Structure formats: C-alpha cells, structure tokens
Amino acid sequence: MQSKQFRAGIITASDKGYRGERPDLSGPAAAELLTAAGFIVEEYKILPDEENLLKDEMIRMCDIVGLDLVITTGGTGFSSRDVTPEATMQVIERQTPGIAEALRMNSLKITPKGMLSRGISGIRGKTLIINLPGSPKSVRESLDYILDPVIHGLSILLGLDSECAR
C-alpha cells in the first residue's frame, strides 16, 4: 500500500451495460483491485460507446474532479463501436506508450488474442489515463500486472517521489 491514497475514477464503455441489458463486471473488478491497492475510487460511470461522451467524461474526471488516475474498461477492440482509444487520444497531452505495451505483452503471455487490443495510455495535466479491455478477467490480469509501476509513476507525476524527481 502506498503512503498517499491516490484518487481514481473508472469509466466502462459498453452500449449494453449503459442500456441495462448486461451487468458491468469489469468496472467493479477494477474498483476492487484499485481499492485493495490503496486507491480511493471516487467516480464510476457506465457510458455508451460514443466517442464524445467518453472524451467529455475523461476531461471532467481529469480537469473538474482532479483525479490522479482514470481507468477505462471496454471499447478497445476491433468493432466499429470500439472508440475508447480515439476518445483518449483527444484527451491526453502526453502518451505513456510503455504502459499499453506492457499490457499487451502481458496479455500475449495468456492468449494470442492479446495483440488485438488497441488500448492506449497517457497523461492529461496531473492525471494518468489507462485503457483496459472490457472483460473482468482481462481487467484483473492487467491491473495485477501494472499496478505497482503505475503507483510509482503517479508518485513521480504528482511530485511525491523526491528520489525520482531529481
């Protein structure tokens, strides 16, 4: 557990989840893992796979709410409705390609279909945004793999790690 409790938000991109036709299991899975790692999950939204709605919510969570971390689940595949990476690209100011590369690398150890994820990650102001796949299993595998380095990166981003800030 880190010394500062980072504040997080989760956005699930799912047409069926938004319409109430399917329960969202990936958002709660992300919340469970983040909470166990010491994060305070302050925001959770289910939105349809609409680029502008996703973009606007990410901006709100970053600029208005001022969260340290925004996790998205879903919308990273090949379907024409999968637009989470495109929305994220419009929001971020700096890319953090190592996170997305690590997520794909870890997924490829589990299944060759891991190469099909188009998820990205990046920074807007003092907020890190990470796109995760939509399945709860993938969310768990992904967060288990990246959480320790992400906590370190957030400490640097927020100026809390004096040793790395030098």
Foldseek 3Di string as FASTA:
>chain_A
DDPDAFEEEEEEAAPCCVVVNDPQPQQVLLVVLSVVVRHHYDYYYYHYLDLVVLLVVVCCCCPVVNGQEYEYEALFADDPSSCNQVSVVVAAPFWDAVLLVQLLVQVVVVPVCSVRGRWTWHHHQNHIYTYWYRDNVSSNSSCVRCVVVVVVVSCCSVVNDVVVVD
